[in-house]
C-alpha atoms as a PDB file:
ATOM      1  CA  UNK A   1      90.911  73.507  98.967  1.00  0.00           C
ATOM      2  CA  UNK A   2      91.823  70.042  97.733  1.00  0.00           C
ATOM      3  CA  UNK A   3      90.582  66.502  98.326  1.00  0.00           C
ATOM      4  CA  UNK A   4      86.896  67.410  98.640  1.00  0.00           C
ATOM      5  CA  UNK A   5      87.702  70.575 100.601  1.00  0.00           C
ATOM      6  CA  UNK A   6      89.717  68.727 103.256  1.00  0.00           C
ATOM      7  CA  UNK A   7      93.156  70.287 102.592  1.00  0.00           C
ATOM      8  CA  UNK A   8      94.036  73.898 101.793  1.00  0.00           C
ATOM      9  CA  UNK A   9      97.193  76.004 101.401  1.00  0.00           C
ATOM     10  CA  UNK A  10      97.880  79.714 101.782  1.00  0.00           C
ATOM     11  CA  UNK A  11     100.984  81.754 100.984  1.00  0.00           C
ATOM     12  CA  UNK A  12     101.416  85.470 101.654  1.00  0.00           C
ATOM     13  CA  UNK A  13     104.491  87.578 100.888  1.00  0.00           C
ATOM     14  CA  UNK A  14     104.924  91.251 101.720  1.00  0.00           C
ATOM     15  CA  UNK A  15     107.461  93.997 101.203  1.00  0.00           C
ATOM     16  CA  UNK A  16     106.731  97.402 102.705  1.00  0.00           C
ATOM     17  CA  UNK A  17     108.454 100.702 103.326  1.00  0.00           C
ATOM     18  CA  UNK A  18     107.359 102.946 106.184  1.00  0.00           C
ATOM     19  CA  UNK A  19     108.525 106.559 106.164  1.00  0.00           C
ATOM     20  CA  UNK A  20     108.431 109.233 108.871  1.00  0.00           C
ATOM     21  CA  UNK A  21     108.047 106.843 111.791  1.00  0.00           C
ATOM     22  CA  UNK A  22     106.726 108.938 114.663  1.00  0.00           C
ATOM     23  CA  UNK A  23     108.580 108.037 117.855  1.00  0.00           C
ATOM     24  CA  UNK A  24     109.069 109.547 121.270  1.00  0.00           C
ATOM     25  CA  UNK A  25     112.720 110.430 121.899  1.00  0.00           C
ATOM     26  CA  UNK A  26     114.336 111.223 125.222  1.00  0.00           C
ATOM     27  CA  UNK A  27     115.892 114.687 125.408  1.00  0.00           C
ATOM     28  CA  UNK A  28     118.010 116.409 128.073  1.00  0.00           C
ATOM     29  CA  UNK A  29     115.954 117.523 131.087  1.00  0.00           C
ATOM     30  CA  UNK A  30     117.662 120.906 130.847  1.00  0.00           C
ATOM     31  CA  UNK A  31     115.487 121.605 127.791  1.00  0.00           C
ATOM     32  CA  UNK A  32     112.436 121.770 130.066  1.00  0.00           C
ATOM     33  CA  UNK A  33     110.913 118.498 128.817  1.00  0.00           C
ATOM     34  CA  UNK A  34     111.816 114.820 129.098  1.00  0.00           C
ATOM     35  CA  UNK A  35     110.735 113.651 125.620  1.00  0.00           C
ATOM     36  CA  UNK A  36     109.656 114.932 122.234  1.00  0.00           C
ATOM     37  CA  UNK A  37     107.811 113.399 119.270  1.00  0.00           C
ATOM     38  CA  UNK A  38     109.727 113.355 115.991  1.00  0.00           C
ATOM     39  CA  UNK A  39     109.520 111.871 112.508  1.00  0.00           C
ATOM     40  CA  UNK A  40     112.557 109.735 113.138  1.00  0.00           C
ATOM     41  CA  UNK A  41     113.159 107.481 110.191  1.00  0.00           C
ATOM     42  CA  UNK A  42     112.363 104.956 107.519  1.00  0.00           C
ATOM     43  CA  UNK A  43     111.809 101.200 107.901  1.00  0.00           C
ATOM     44  CA  UNK A  44     111.996  98.467 105.270  1.00  0.00           C
ATOM     45  CA  UNK A  45     110.031  95.316 106.148  1.00  0.00           C
ATOM     46  CA  UNK A  46     109.492  92.048 104.335  1.00  0.00           C
ATOM     47  CA  UNK A  47     108.143  88.673 105.233  1.00  0.00           C
ATOM     48  CA  UNK A  48     106.587  85.406 104.195  1.00  0.00           C
ATOM     49  CA  UNK A  49     103.690  83.526 105.756  1.00  0.00           C
ATOM     50  CA  UNK A  50     102.652  80.017 104.785  1.00  0.00           C
ATOM     51  CA  UNK A  51      99.776  77.962 106.094  1.00  0.00           C
ATOM     52  CA  UNK A  52      98.124  74.613 105.603  1.00  0.00           C
ATOM     53  CA  UNK A  53      94.747  73.661 106.972  1.00  0.00           C
ATOM     54  CA  UNK A  54      93.204  70.217 106.923  1.00  0.00           C
ATOM     55  CA  UNK A  55      90.306  68.102 108.103  1.00  0.00           C
ATOM     56  CA  UNK A  56      92.038  64.735 108.655  1.00  0.00           C
ATOM     57  CA  UNK A  57      89.075  62.957 110.274  1.00  0.00           C
ATOM     58  CA  UNK A  58      85.361  63.480 110.071  1.00  0.00           C
ATOM     59  CA  UNK A  59      82.423  61.444 111.290  1.00  0.00           C
ATOM     60  CA  UNK A  60      78.734  61.772 112.105  1.00  0.00           C
ATOM     61  CA  UNK A  61      79.364  63.526 115.442  1.00  0.00           C
ATOM     62  CA  UNK A  62      83.065  64.308 115.194  1.00  0.00           C
ATOM     63  CA  UNK A  63      85.231  66.571 113.060  1.00  0.00           C
ATOM     64  CA  UNK A  64      88.985  67.084 113.565  1.00  0.00           C
ATOM     65  CA  UNK A  65      90.329  70.313 112.071  1.00  0.00           C
ATOM     66  CA  UNK A  66      94.028  71.278 112.107  1.00  0.00           C
ATOM     67  CA  UNK A  67      95.970  74.311 110.975  1.00  0.00           C
ATOM     68  CA  UNK A  68      99.722  74.873 110.760  1.00  0.00           C
ATOM     69  CA  UNK A  69     101.221  78.304 110.187  1.00  0.00           C
ATOM     70  CA  UNK A  70     104.824  79.359 109.565  1.00  0.00           C
ATOM     71  CA  UNK A  71     105.875  82.990 109.275  1.00  0.00           C
ATOM     72  CA  UNK A  72     109.138  84.869 108.842  1.00  0.00           C
ATOM     73  CA  UNK A  73     109.488  88.623 109.099  1.00  0.00           C
ATOM     74  CA  UNK A  74     112.354  91.091 109.039  1.00  0.00           C
ATOM     75  CA  UNK A  75     112.436  94.857 109.533  1.00  0.00           C
ATOM     76  CA  UNK A  76     115.507  96.993 108.937  1.00  0.00           C
ATOM     77  CA  UNK A  77     116.084 100.677 109.694  1.00  0.00           C
ATOM     78  CA  UNK A  78     116.878 102.245 106.317  1.00  0.00           C
ATOM     79  CA  UNK A  79     117.364 105.785 107.534  1.00  0.00           C
ATOM     80  CA  UNK A  80     117.116 107.832 110.732  1.00  0.00           C
ATOM     81  CA  UNK A  81     116.363 111.539 110.939  1.00  0.00           C
ATOM     82  CA  UNK A  82     119.233 113.988 111.046  1.00  0.00           C
ATOM     83  CA  UNK A  83     120.728 114.108 114.532  1.00  0.00           C
ATOM     84  CA  UNK A  84     119.136 110.820 115.634  1.00  0.00           C
ATOM     85  CA  UNK A  85     121.841 108.238 116.325  1.00  0.00           C
ATOM     86  CA  UNK A  86     119.481 105.492 117.503  1.00  0.00           C
ATOM     87  CA  UNK A  87     116.022 104.934 118.920  1.00  0.00           C
ATOM     88  CA  UNK A  88     115.792 103.184 122.284  1.00  0.00           C
ATOM     89  CA  UNK A  89     112.547 101.229 122.592  1.00  0.00           C
ATOM     90  CA  UNK A  90     113.194  99.812 126.048  1.00  0.00           C
ATOM     91  CA  UNK A  91     115.680 100.239 128.902  1.00  0.00           C
ATOM     92  CA  UNK A  92     115.943  98.221 132.107  1.00  0.00           C
ATOM     93  CA  UNK A  93     118.330  97.541 134.957  1.00  0.00           C
ATOM     94  CA  UNK A  94     119.745 101.080 134.916  1.00  0.00           C
ATOM     95  CA  UNK A  95     120.485 100.913 131.155  1.00  0.00           C
ATOM     96  CA  UNK A  96     122.272  97.531 131.429  1.00  0.00           C
ATOM     97  CA  UNK A  97     119.619  96.137 129.061  1.00  0.00           C
ATOM     98  CA  UNK A  98     118.506  98.113 126.004  1.00  0.00           C
ATOM     99  CA  UNK A  99     116.425  97.347 122.911  1.00  0.00           C
ATOM    100  CA  UNK A 100     117.566  99.685 120.148  1.00  0.00           C
ATOM    101  CA  UNK A 101     116.987 100.560 116.484  1.00  0.00           C
ATOM    102  CA  UNK A 102     120.031 101.844 114.575  1.00  0.00           C
ATOM    103  CA  UNK A 103     120.455 102.889 110.957  1.00  0.00           C
ATOM    104  CA  UNK A 104     121.408  99.977 108.720  1.00  0.00           C
ATOM    105  CA  UNK A 105     120.505  97.404 111.390  1.00  0.00           C
ATOM    106  CA  UNK A 106     117.479  95.254 112.104  1.00  0.00           C
ATOM    107  CA  UNK A 107     114.825  96.674 114.396  1.00  0.00           C
ATOM    108  CA  UNK A 108     115.068  95.447 117.964  1.00  0.00           C
ATOM    109  CA  UNK A 109     118.756  94.779 118.543  1.00  0.00           C
ATOM    110  CA  UNK A 110     119.255  93.863 122.198  1.00  0.00           C
ATOM    111  CA  UNK A 111     122.305  95.174 124.053  1.00  0.00           C
ATOM    112  CA  UNK A 112     123.286  93.889 127.487  1.00  0.00           C
ATOM    113  CA  UNK A 113     126.092  95.349 129.591  1.00  0.00           C
ATOM    114  CA  UNK A 114     127.558  92.689 131.848  1.00  0.00           C
ATOM    115  CA  UNK A 115     130.214  94.703 133.658  1.00  0.00           C
END
């Protein structure tokens, strides 16, 4: 904290690798089940978070405290398990809207079919 503990700064950076993500995949109903759990891939994530907190005004019966935070984060699918083309996190409107993870792409790509 600076200025008699009235202003402070924080910075956090991270870089992480997650292996053997356990996800639930849809499988053909003819197999006797609808889904199965698999170790489906590897994610690479990194991000930066910055914050400033301040006490701009203070009095005998009043204290104004403010905080501002900015963060940026990115996750990319480094590798998917053999035989896994993509992982669908969400489907709606009879598959017209899908949120998907694909190898080499960022997590959460959104695909919309507007036929």
